[in-house]
Each structure stands twice: as structure tokens, then as C-alpha cells.
């Protein structure tokens, strides 16, 4: 990750021993080289051109040691090794390179100098010691310059920034939501958003055409333009309604499939239907559970309430009739006595 505009290292920055003159100078450069880009190539170019006659060895760390000390890579170790082999500045690739070089490693590969940018990189001790401190003190370090504006981290940030667009592009190319680690709801929402974006672009394109034609048409009847605009708006609304209907149908079918799967699992003794697999998907959105479904039957509750109310009315009516009968009997007895 260096710049060829300053590809001549400053010999006074770090003390350096004189190179051998009777053979090619063996220069070693190491790194992760994930998502190999022109910044990597420029740093290797500087290492290759450090001396008039240079044999460049490039060490690349394995996945195991990289994940331990730096983090996850996009490319695996085999892909990273192969990318380096196709760089024209590289004479030899050393796979599974150590995180920190020592004298034994230098002697094994007959390395005269180690080339890298001069920034301090933490070693494995946890004390923030510089990885290249040993070769710097030994006068066997050749400084290279980084290329500004390009790095593996910058490329990853570009992808993260436009994540939804890259996901939709891969869905359109045939990748499944499982391969992209998407939940069902996330996939549907992305598709709706992208459909709306396409519709907005299409409406904007039509508006630009209308403005262009209107300027050239001049005296065309205003009512005719309004009629055309109404037709385009109606077409847009029809497409939008159709897209929403498709999404609603898909979600309804998904819920029905989930409910049928739940019924099948309840019928089996082990609680799992044939062909069911345990699947987990990460979704950064709100948790969605297909099994949590509640239905409200208004008719059912209304009928029950009507029956209870009717029973209460009948009970009050019976009591009233009983009271009337008692009053009548008492009145008859009084008449007889008189």
C-alpha cells in the first residue's frame, strides 16, 4: 500500500547496512494482502526496485494467524497466495509467513533486507512492540511509502456503505437469501425498496422527456398535456399497486406455509415434520416470528355476548311475571274477605 510517486526510500530515515554486490539482493516483504489492489502492487514495486539487482520474496500470513491477530479476511489464504503469484514484481511467494520475523527465518531464506512502510505494527507480545523492531535495529530494514486513498479497509467500507444495492444485485444474479444470510422479511423489504427506486427513476425520466417535448411543442393544447400526465400517473399507481399486491401475497403464502409446517410437527412424535431442517438467519431488523399468530373472531364473541344478554332479559321477564301473579293472588284474597 505504497506510492510510486515517492518510490525511492529515504536512506537516512532508518540506518541500513550496505548490500552485497556479488549476487542479487534478497529482499523480503510480508503482509496479509487481502483483496489484492494496486496499493499492494506499488509497495512491492518499491521493494523490487530498492536495489539494481533484487530478488523479491513475499511472505503472506495464513488464515489462522491473521484471524488471531488482525481479524477476518474476505479472501482465504489460497486466494491471497495466488493473487501474489500473479504480480509481476514478485519472484517468490512464501506461504504461512510468520507474524514476526526472527533471525532463524532470515537465515533460512537468506534474506538481506525486509521491506515495509515505517509505521509501527504491534507484535504478538501484547506490549505494543513494533513487529519490525528487530530488523530495524539490525540495519536490515528498507522503508517503502504507502499509497494514499486505497486500502483493503477502504474497499470494504465502500461495500458496506452501499450494502443494499450489492445485495439486490446478487439476488438478481441468482443468489438465494440463504446464501446472502438474509431473513425472509429483509429480502421482501429490499425488493420493495428497490422497486420503488426503479419507479421513481422511471417517473423522473418521463418528467424530463415531458419537459423536453413541451419546450419543442410550443403551442400544443394544454388539456392534451394534462390528459397524458394523468395517464402516466395512473400507470405508475397501477404498477405500484401490483407490486404491493405481490408482496402481500408472498407474505401470506409464507405465513400459511409456516402454519402448515407447525401442524405437521405437532403430528409427529418427535415434534419435527419430515424434511424440516434447523435454520438460523441473522436479521438486524426487529425479530419476526411466523408462529406467533393470533386471530380474533368477532362473530364468535358477539354471539356469546348476545346469548348472555338474552338470558338476562328472559330472567328479568320471568321474575316480573312471577311478581305480577303474586300481586293478583293477593288482590283476589282481599276481595273475597270483603
Protein backbone atom coordinates (compact mmCIF):
# COMPACT_ATOMS: atom_id res chain seq x y z
CA UNK A 1 0.00 0.00 0.00
CA UNK A 2 2.62 2.45 -1.15
CA UNK A 3 3.03 5.26 -3.66
CA UNK A 4 5.33 5.02 -6.69
CA UNK A 5 5.47 8.79 -6.90
CA UNK A 6 7.87 8.51 -3.94
CA UNK A 7 9.21 5.06 -4.73
CA UNK A 8 12.74 5.93 -3.65
CA UNK A 9 13.02 5.22 0.08
CA UNK A 10 14.81 7.78 2.18
CA UNK A 11 18.14 6.15 3.08
CA UNK A 12 18.60 8.47 6.05
CA UNK A 13 15.32 7.64 7.76
CA UNK A 14 16.45 4.27 9.17
CA UNK A 15 20.11 3.11 9.29
CA UNK A 16 20.75 0.41 6.66
CA UNK A 17 23.77 -1.83 6.03
CA UNK A 18 25.47 -1.93 2.65
CA UNK A 19 24.01 -4.54 0.27
CA UNK A 20 26.01 -7.39 -1.25
CA UNK A 21 27.49 -6.66 -4.70
CA UNK A 22 28.36 -10.15 -5.93
CA UNK A 23 24.79 -11.51 -6.17
CA UNK A 24 21.14 -10.38 -6.32
CA UNK A 25 19.97 -8.70 -3.11
CA UNK A 26 17.31 -10.83 -1.45
CA UNK A 27 14.55 -8.52 -0.21
CA UNK A 28 11.60 -9.79 1.83
CA UNK A 29 8.16 -8.11 2.08
CA UNK A 30 5.29 -9.53 4.12
CA UNK A 31 1.63 -8.79 4.79
CA UNK A 32 -1.95 -10.05 4.59
CA UNK A 33 -2.64 -8.86 1.02
CA UNK A 34 -6.40 -9.30 1.34
CA UNK A 35 -8.36 -8.16 -1.75
CA UNK A 36 -5.08 -7.50 -3.56
CA UNK A 37 -5.14 -3.99 -5.10
CA UNK A 38 -2.79 -1.51 -6.76
CA UNK A 39 -1.66 -0.15 -3.37
CA UNK A 40 -0.21 -3.57 -2.58
CA UNK A 41 1.36 -3.76 -6.03
CA UNK A 42 3.02 -0.36 -5.64
CA UNK A 43 4.60 -1.30 -2.32
CA UNK A 44 6.01 -4.48 -3.90
CA UNK A 45 7.27 -2.44 -6.84
CA UNK A 46 9.20 -0.22 -4.45
CA UNK A 47 10.70 -3.26 -2.71
CA UNK A 48 11.67 -4.77 -6.08
CA UNK A 49 13.35 -1.51 -7.18
CA UNK A 50 15.14 -0.91 -3.86
CA UNK A 51 18.38 -2.17 -5.47
CA UNK A 52 19.52 -2.50 -9.07
CA UNK A 53 19.55 -6.30 -8.81
CA UNK A 54 16.82 -7.56 -6.47
CA UNK A 55 15.22 -10.93 -5.84
CA UNK A 56 11.88 -10.22 -4.11
CA UNK A 57 10.39 -12.74 -1.70
CA UNK A 58 6.86 -12.03 -0.43
CA UNK A 59 5.53 -13.64 2.73
CA UNK A 60 1.77 -13.98 3.19
CA UNK A 61 0.23 -14.88 6.56
CA UNK A 62 -2.19 -17.81 6.80
CA UNK A 63 -5.86 -17.53 7.74
CA UNK A 64 -5.26 -18.94 11.22
CA UNK A 65 -2.65 -16.39 12.30
CA UNK A 66 -4.39 -13.49 10.52
CA UNK A 67 -7.75 -14.16 12.20
CA UNK A 68 -5.96 -14.44 15.55
CA UNK A 69 -4.04 -11.16 15.42
CA UNK A 70 -5.92 -8.97 12.93
CA UNK A 71 -9.39 -10.31 12.17
CA UNK A 72 -11.48 -11.96 9.46
CA UNK A 73 -10.39 -11.66 5.83
CA UNK A 74 -12.53 -11.50 2.70
CA UNK A 75 -10.24 -13.78 0.67
CA UNK A 76 -8.93 -17.05 2.07
CA UNK A 77 -5.22 -17.83 2.24
CA UNK A 78 -5.15 -19.82 -1.03
CA UNK A 79 -6.72 -16.92 -2.94
CA UNK A 80 -4.29 -14.45 -1.38
CA UNK A 81 -1.25 -16.60 -2.22
CA UNK A 82 -2.42 -16.96 -5.82
CA UNK A 83 -3.01 -13.20 -6.19
CA UNK A 84 0.60 -12.53 -5.17
CA UNK A 85 1.95 -15.09 -7.64
CA UNK A 86 0.34 -13.12 -10.47
CA UNK A 87 2.05 -9.86 -9.50
CA UNK A 88 4.92 -9.13 -11.92
CA UNK A 89 7.18 -7.72 -9.18
CA UNK A 90 7.16 -10.91 -7.11
CA UNK A 91 9.85 -13.56 -7.65
CA UNK A 92 8.80 -15.97 -4.89
CA UNK A 93 5.82 -16.34 -2.53
CA UNK A 94 6.36 -17.73 0.98
CA UNK A 95 3.01 -19.06 2.30
CA UNK A 96 2.15 -19.26 6.01
CA UNK A 97 4.58 -16.46 6.82
CA UNK A 98 5.30 -15.68 10.49
CA UNK A 99 3.70 -12.65 12.11
CA UNK A 100 7.12 -11.55 13.43
CA UNK A 101 10.37 -12.38 11.60
CA UNK A 102 13.39 -13.53 13.59
CA UNK A 103 17.00 -14.35 12.82
CA UNK A 104 16.20 -18.01 12.18
CA UNK A 105 13.66 -17.08 9.48
CA UNK A 106 16.08 -14.62 7.85
CA UNK A 107 18.85 -17.24 7.77
CA UNK A 108 16.54 -19.96 6.40
CA UNK A 109 15.54 -17.86 3.37
CA UNK A 110 18.88 -15.98 3.10
CA UNK A 111 17.12 -12.63 3.42
CA UNK A 112 19.27 -9.48 3.27
CA UNK A 113 16.58 -6.85 3.89
CA UNK A 114 12.95 -6.60 4.99
CA UNK A 115 10.86 -4.00 3.11
CA UNK A 116 7.76 -2.36 4.56
CA UNK A 117 6.36 1.07 5.42
CA UNK A 118 7.88 2.53 8.57
CA UNK A 119 4.69 2.70 10.65
CA UNK A 120 4.91 0.63 13.87
CA UNK A 121 2.87 -2.60 13.83
CA UNK A 122 2.10 -4.42 17.09
CA UNK A 123 3.70 -7.82 17.58
CA UNK A 124 2.30 -10.83 19.45
CA UNK A 125 3.62 -9.84 22.87
CA UNK A 126 0.68 -7.58 23.71
CA UNK A 127 3.10 -4.84 24.76
CA UNK A 128 2.68 -2.86 21.51
CA UNK A 129 6.21 -3.60 20.40
CA UNK A 130 7.00 -2.99 16.74
CA UNK A 131 6.96 -6.10 14.53
CA UNK A 132 9.92 -4.78 12.55
CA UNK A 133 11.94 -3.52 15.52
CA UNK A 134 14.41 -6.42 15.23
CA UNK A 135 15.35 -5.79 11.58
CA UNK A 136 15.41 -2.01 12.09
CA UNK A 137 17.96 -2.32 14.88
CA UNK A 138 19.97 -4.75 12.76
CA UNK A 139 20.14 -2.25 9.87
CA UNK A 140 18.28 -4.60 7.53
CA UNK A 141 15.04 -2.64 7.01
CA UNK A 142 14.10 -0.88 3.73
CA UNK A 143 11.29 1.66 4.04
CA UNK A 144 8.53 1.89 1.43
CA UNK A 145 5.78 4.51 1.12
CA UNK A 146 2.07 3.85 1.44
CA UNK A 147 -0.38 4.77 -1.34
CA UNK A 148 -2.93 7.23 0.00
CA UNK A 149 -6.62 6.72 -0.76
CA UNK A 150 -6.59 2.96 -1.26
CA UNK A 151 -6.63 0.11 1.24
CA UNK A 152 -8.49 -3.11 1.89
CA UNK A 153 -10.43 -1.39 4.70
CA UNK A 154 -11.48 1.42 2.33
CA UNK A 155 -12.81 -1.09 -0.21
CA UNK A 156 -14.79 -2.94 2.47
CA UNK A 157 -16.27 0.37 3.68
CA UNK A 158 -17.47 1.16 0.16
CA UNK A 159 -19.29 -2.19 0.06
CA UNK A 160 -20.84 -1.66 3.50
CA UNK A 161 -21.97 1.85 2.54
CA UNK A 162 -23.93 0.56 -0.49
CA UNK A 163 -24.82 -2.78 1.12
CA UNK A 164 -28.47 -2.90 -0.03
CA UNK A 165 -27.57 -2.28 -3.67
CA UNK A 166 -24.93 -5.02 -3.70
CA UNK A 167 -27.34 -7.45 -2.02
CA UNK A 168 -30.06 -6.74 -4.59
CA UNK A 169 -27.58 -7.11 -7.43
CA UNK A 170 -26.61 -10.56 -6.19
CA UNK A 171 -30.25 -11.56 -5.67
CA UNK A 172 -30.95 -10.57 -9.27
CA UNK A 173 -27.96 -12.64 -10.39
CA UNK A 174 -29.43 -15.78 -8.81
CA UNK A 175 -28.03 -15.91 -5.28
CA UNK A 176 -30.53 -17.07 -2.66
CA UNK A 177 -31.37 -15.17 0.50
CA UNK A 178 -29.85 -18.06 2.50
CA UNK A 179 -26.52 -17.64 0.71
CA UNK A 180 -26.63 -13.93 1.48
CA UNK A 181 -27.69 -14.56 5.11
CA UNK A 182 -30.95 -12.62 4.73
CA UNK A 183 -34.21 -13.16 6.58
CA UNK A 184 -37.44 -13.53 4.64
CA UNK A 185 -38.75 -10.13 5.78
CA UNK A 186 -35.44 -8.40 4.99
CA UNK A 187 -35.42 -9.79 1.45
CA UNK A 188 -39.01 -8.66 0.78
CA UNK A 189 -38.37 -5.19 2.14
CA UNK A 190 -35.26 -4.79 -0.01
CA UNK A 191 -37.17 -5.86 -3.10
CA UNK A 192 -39.97 -3.37 -2.39
CA UNK A 193 -37.49 -0.54 -1.80
CA UNK A 194 -35.62 -1.33 -5.00
CA UNK A 195 -38.89 -1.50 -6.95
CA UNK A 196 -39.87 1.92 -5.62
CA UNK A 197 -36.45 3.27 -6.56
CA UNK A 198 -36.85 1.99 -10.12
CA UNK A 199 -40.33 3.53 -10.33
CA UNK A 200 -39.02 6.86 -9.07
CA UNK A 201 -36.25 6.81 -11.67
CA UNK A 202 -38.77 5.95 -14.37
CA UNK A 203 -41.11 8.79 -13.35
CA UNK A 204 -38.18 11.20 -13.29
CA UNK A 205 -37.16 10.05 -16.77
CA UNK A 206 -40.70 10.63 -18.07
CA UNK A 207 -40.80 14.08 -16.48
CA UNK A 208 -37.58 15.03 -18.23
CA UNK A 209 -38.99 13.80 -21.54
CA UNK A 210 -42.19 15.78 -20.99
CA UNK A 211 -40.24 18.95 -20.30
CA UNK A 212 -38.09 18.44 -23.40
CA UNK A 213 -41.05 17.78 -25.68
CA UNK A 214 -43.06 20.63 -24.13
CA UNK A 215 -40.34 23.12 -24.96
CA UNK A 216 -40.23 21.97 -28.58
CA UNK A 217 -44.00 21.56 -28.99
CA UNK A 218 -44.79 25.15 -28.07
CA UNK A 219 -48.49 25.73 -28.75
CA UNK A 220 -49.89 22.23 -28.12
CA UNK A 221 -53.21 22.16 -26.34
CA UNK A 222 -52.80 22.31 -22.55
CA UNK A 223 -55.65 19.84 -21.98
CA UNK A 224 -53.86 17.25 -24.06
CA UNK A 225 -50.76 17.56 -21.89
CA UNK A 226 -52.86 17.18 -18.74
CA UNK A 227 -54.52 14.08 -20.19
CA UNK A 228 -51.13 12.50 -20.95
CA UNK A 229 -49.86 13.34 -17.46
CA UNK A 230 -52.92 11.74 -15.89
CA UNK A 231 -52.36 8.59 -17.93
CA UNK A 232 -48.72 8.34 -16.81
CA UNK A 233 -49.66 8.86 -13.16
CA UNK A 234 -52.37 6.19 -13.43
CA UNK A 235 -49.84 3.79 -14.94
CA UNK A 236 -47.41 4.47 -12.11
CA UNK A 237 -50.07 3.85 -9.45
CA UNK A 238 -51.13 0.63 -11.17
CA UNK A 239 -47.56 -0.69 -11.16
CA UNK A 240 -47.14 0.29 -7.51
CA UNK A 241 -50.40 -1.42 -6.50
CA UNK A 242 -49.42 -4.56 -8.38
CA UNK A 243 -46.05 -4.69 -6.62
CA UNK A 244 -47.66 -4.28 -3.19
CA UNK A 245 -50.20 -6.98 -4.02
CA UNK A 246 -47.44 -9.41 -5.00
CA UNK A 247 -45.55 -8.72 -1.80
CA UNK A 248 -48.69 -9.19 0.31
CA UNK A 249 -49.48 -12.46 -1.44
CA UNK A 250 -45.94 -13.71 -0.88
CA UNK A 251 -46.06 -12.85 2.84
CA UNK A 252 -49.46 -14.53 3.22
CA UNK A 253 -48.19 -17.68 1.49
CA UNK A 254 -45.16 -17.66 3.76
CA UNK A 255 -47.34 -17.49 6.87
CA UNK A 256 -49.56 -20.30 5.60
CA UNK A 257 -46.54 -22.49 4.89
CA UNK A 258 -45.24 -21.83 8.38
CA UNK A 259 -48.59 -22.74 9.96
CA UNK A 260 -48.82 -25.94 7.91
CA UNK A 261 -45.28 -26.83 8.96
CA UNK A 262 -46.22 -26.26 12.59
CA UNK A 263 -49.22 -28.58 12.27
CA UNK A 264 -47.05 -31.26 10.67
CA UNK A 265 -44.53 -31.04 13.50
CA UNK A 266 -47.30 -31.43 16.09
CA UNK A 267 -48.48 -34.63 14.36
CA UNK A 268 -45.05 -36.32 14.54
CA UNK A 269 -43.88 -37.93 17.83
CA UNK A 270 -40.51 -36.18 17.83
CA UNK A 271 -42.05 -32.77 17.21
CA UNK A 272 -40.45 -32.29 13.77
CA UNK A 273 -42.02 -32.72 10.34
CA UNK A 274 -40.37 -34.70 7.56
CA UNK A 275 -37.76 -32.73 5.70
CA UNK A 276 -37.55 -29.94 8.31
CA UNK A 277 -34.10 -28.56 8.89
CA UNK A 278 -32.80 -26.36 11.63
CA UNK A 279 -32.08 -22.98 10.04
CA UNK A 280 -30.95 -19.76 11.61
CA UNK A 281 -30.76 -16.41 9.87
CA UNK A 282 -29.31 -13.21 11.21
CA UNK A 283 -31.55 -10.21 10.78
CA UNK A 284 -30.56 -6.80 12.11
CA UNK A 285 -34.24 -5.80 11.99
CA UNK A 286 -36.95 -6.42 14.60
CA UNK A 287 -37.44 -10.10 15.41
CA UNK A 288 -40.12 -11.75 13.33
CA UNK A 289 -41.77 -15.00 14.42
CA UNK A 290 -44.06 -16.76 11.97
CA UNK A 291 -45.52 -18.94 14.76
CA UNK A 292 -46.87 -16.06 16.83
CA UNK A 293 -50.21 -15.60 15.09
CA UNK A 294 -53.42 -14.59 16.85
CA UNK A 295 -56.82 -14.37 15.20
CA UNK A 296 -59.88 -12.51 16.51
CA UNK A 297 -63.30 -13.89 15.53
CA UNK A 298 -65.72 -11.02 16.05
CA UNK A 299 -68.75 -13.16 15.29
CA UNK A 300 -67.83 -15.73 17.91
CA UNK A 301 -67.57 -13.20 20.71
CA UNK A 302 -70.63 -11.28 19.51
CA UNK A 303 -72.79 -14.44 19.56
CA UNK A 304 -71.68 -15.28 23.08
CA UNK A 305 -72.47 -11.78 24.33
CA UNK A 306 -75.91 -11.82 22.66
CA UNK A 307 -76.79 -15.17 24.29
CA UNK A 308 -75.82 -13.89 27.73
CA UNK A 309 -77.81 -10.71 27.27
CA UNK A 310 -80.82 -12.71 26.10
CA UNK A 311 -80.63 -14.97 29.16
CA UNK A 312 -80.56 -11.93 31.45
CA UNK A 313 -83.62 -10.45 29.71
CA UNK A 314 -85.53 -13.76 29.99
CA UNK A 315 -84.62 -13.99 33.67
CA UNK A 316 -85.88 -10.45 34.36
CA UNK A 317 -89.08 -11.18 32.38
CA UNK A 318 -89.77 -14.35 34.41
CA UNK A 319 -89.26 -12.50 37.68
CA UNK A 320 -91.65 -9.77 36.55
CA UNK A 321 -94.32 -12.31 35.60
CA UNK A 322 -93.94 -14.06 38.96
CA UNK A 323 -94.34 -10.77 40.84
CA UNK A 324 -97.46 -9.95 38.85
CA UNK A 325 -99.01 -13.34 39.66
CA UNK A 326 -98.32 -12.84 43.36
CA UNK A 327 -99.93 -9.40 43.30
CA UNK A 328 -103.01 -10.79 41.53
CA UNK A 329 -103.44 -13.58 44.12
CA UNK A 330 -103.17 -11.10 46.99
CA UNK A 331 -105.76 -8.84 45.35
CA UNK A 332 -108.19 -11.75 44.86
CA UNK A 333 -107.91 -12.77 48.54
CA UNK A 334 -108.65 -9.25 49.69
CA UNK A 335 -111.79 -9.08 47.54
CA UNK A 336 -113.06 -12.37 48.93
CA UNK A 337 -112.57 -11.24 52.51
CA UNK A 338 -114.50 -8.05 51.89
